[in-house]
Amino acid sequence: MSGALWAVTSLLALAAFLVRVAGLSAGERIRASRQAWILDDLPGLIVVSLVASSLTGQPLPTWIAAGVALGIAIMTNHVIATMALGVVAFAGLKWLGV
């Protein structure tokens, strides 16, 4: 590898390390503050935002399967069951031609 590639690789490694250290520092500051409850809800909020944004412009079977998955998630609070039954609902709707 050339010197330029080593320099870029080193700078990217340093940047990745500094981002992680900054995240740890910010996380510890938030954990010690009144907003600590945000960290408990953050994973669920991220998943909801990703799913909601992926549903835009999708056909009806996708929305129905998402509704089934939401219902399973509320009833069972079990991630694997939610994913599995959501996929089964989507596959069943496609198989039925909905």
Foldseek 3Di string as FASTA:
>chain_A
DDPVVVVVVVVVVVVVVVVVVVVVVVLVVCCPDPNVVCVVCVVVVVVVVVLVVVCPPDDDQLVVLVVQLVVCCVVPVDDVVSVVSSVVSSVVCVVVVD
